[in-house]
Protein backbone atom coordinates (compact mmCIF):
# COMPACT_ATOMS: atom_id res chain seq x y z
CA MET A 1 -14.17 -22.04 -1.40
CA SER A 2 -11.09 -22.17 -0.41
CA SER A 3 -10.32 -22.97 3.36
CA THR A 4 -8.62 -20.57 5.16
CA PRO A 5 -9.68 -18.32 7.55
CA TYR A 6 -11.16 -14.90 5.70
CA LYS A 7 -13.90 -13.19 4.26
CA VAL A 8 -12.85 -11.61 1.08
CA THR A 9 -15.28 -9.01 -0.60
CA LYS A 10 -15.97 -6.84 -2.81
CA ILE A 11 -16.74 -2.89 -2.45
CA SER A 12 -19.87 -3.62 -3.17
CA GLY A 13 -20.21 -6.26 -0.83
CA GLU A 14 -20.40 -8.83 -3.42
CA GLU A 15 -18.21 -12.52 -2.03
CA VAL A 16 -15.16 -13.07 -3.94
CA HIS A 17 -13.83 -16.78 -4.24
CA GLU A 18 -11.16 -18.44 -5.65
CA GLY A 19 -11.54 -18.42 -9.16
CA ASP A 20 -13.92 -14.85 -9.95
CA GLU A 21 -12.82 -12.20 -11.59
CA LEU A 22 -11.36 -8.89 -10.22
CA LEU A 23 -9.93 -5.31 -11.43
CA VAL A 24 -6.80 -4.69 -10.35
CA ASP A 25 -5.93 -0.49 -10.64
CA HIS A 26 -9.56 0.01 -12.60
CA ASN A 27 -8.47 -0.93 -15.65
CA HIS A 28 -6.52 -5.29 -16.24
CA HIS A 29 -8.57 -8.44 -16.03
CA VAL A 30 -6.88 -10.61 -12.91
CA THR A 31 -8.00 -13.92 -10.86
CA PHE A 32 -8.27 -14.39 -7.83
CA VAL A 33 -5.93 -16.69 -6.71
CA GLY A 34 -6.18 -15.80 -2.54
CA VAL A 35 -5.15 -14.14 0.22
CA ASP A 36 -1.82 -13.25 1.86
CA CYS A 37 -2.83 -11.33 4.66
CA PRO A 38 -5.37 -9.69 6.26
CA PRO A 39 -5.28 -6.02 7.52
CA TRP A 40 -2.67 -6.06 10.11
CA GLU A 41 -1.84 -3.70 12.71
CA ASP A 42 1.18 -3.27 14.95
CA GLU A 43 -0.07 -2.21 18.81
CA GLU A 44 3.26 -1.42 19.57
CA THR A 45 4.29 1.93 17.04
CA GLY A 46 1.20 1.68 16.24
CA GLU A 47 1.95 0.96 12.09
CA SER A 48 -0.72 -0.79 9.71
CA MET A 49 -0.89 -2.75 6.89
CA PRO A 50 -3.50 -3.03 4.52
CA GLY A 51 -4.97 -6.53 3.48
CA ARG A 52 -2.91 -8.82 0.55
CA VAL A 53 -4.05 -10.38 -2.00
CA ARG A 54 -2.57 -12.89 -5.00
CA VAL A 55 -3.63 -12.52 -8.09
CA ARG A 56 -3.17 -14.20 -11.78
CA TYR A 57 -2.91 -11.58 -15.14
CA ALA A 58 -3.76 -13.23 -18.40
CA TRP A 59 -0.61 -13.10 -19.18
CA GLY A 60 -0.43 -15.68 -16.66
CA SER A 61 2.09 -13.87 -14.26
CA VAL A 62 0.54 -14.54 -10.46
CA GLU A 63 1.02 -10.91 -7.97
CA GLU A 64 0.58 -10.10 -4.73
CA ILE A 65 -0.87 -6.36 -3.91
CA ASP A 66 -2.66 -4.75 -1.64
CA GLU A 67 -6.66 -5.16 -0.88
CA SER A 68 -6.89 -1.91 -2.69
CA ARG A 69 -6.01 -2.13 -6.00
CA ALA A 70 -8.38 -5.22 -6.15
CA GLY A 71 -10.96 -3.55 -4.89
CA VAL A 72 -11.64 -5.83 -1.86
CA PHE A 73 -11.12 -5.70 1.58
CA VAL A 74 -10.26 -8.76 3.59
CA ASP A 75 -11.53 -9.93 6.79
CA GLU A 76 -10.36 -12.65 9.41
CA VAL A 77 -13.93 -14.82 10.10
């Protein structure tokens, strides 16, 4: 299990750990690698960004994607 201060959960509520399988864009099987950043909001501008996670595709490529594409939520603990 990761020692990062983040909790990652699937939309179903199931907790996600490094090495777990996810579906990206509802049809690509990937392996969860870790969290790049939690969702954040700039109080001055009101700009907000979704959380970002790293996933590994079957062909070995690792990509940083928005949490919504992976069907997960990233929260700070």
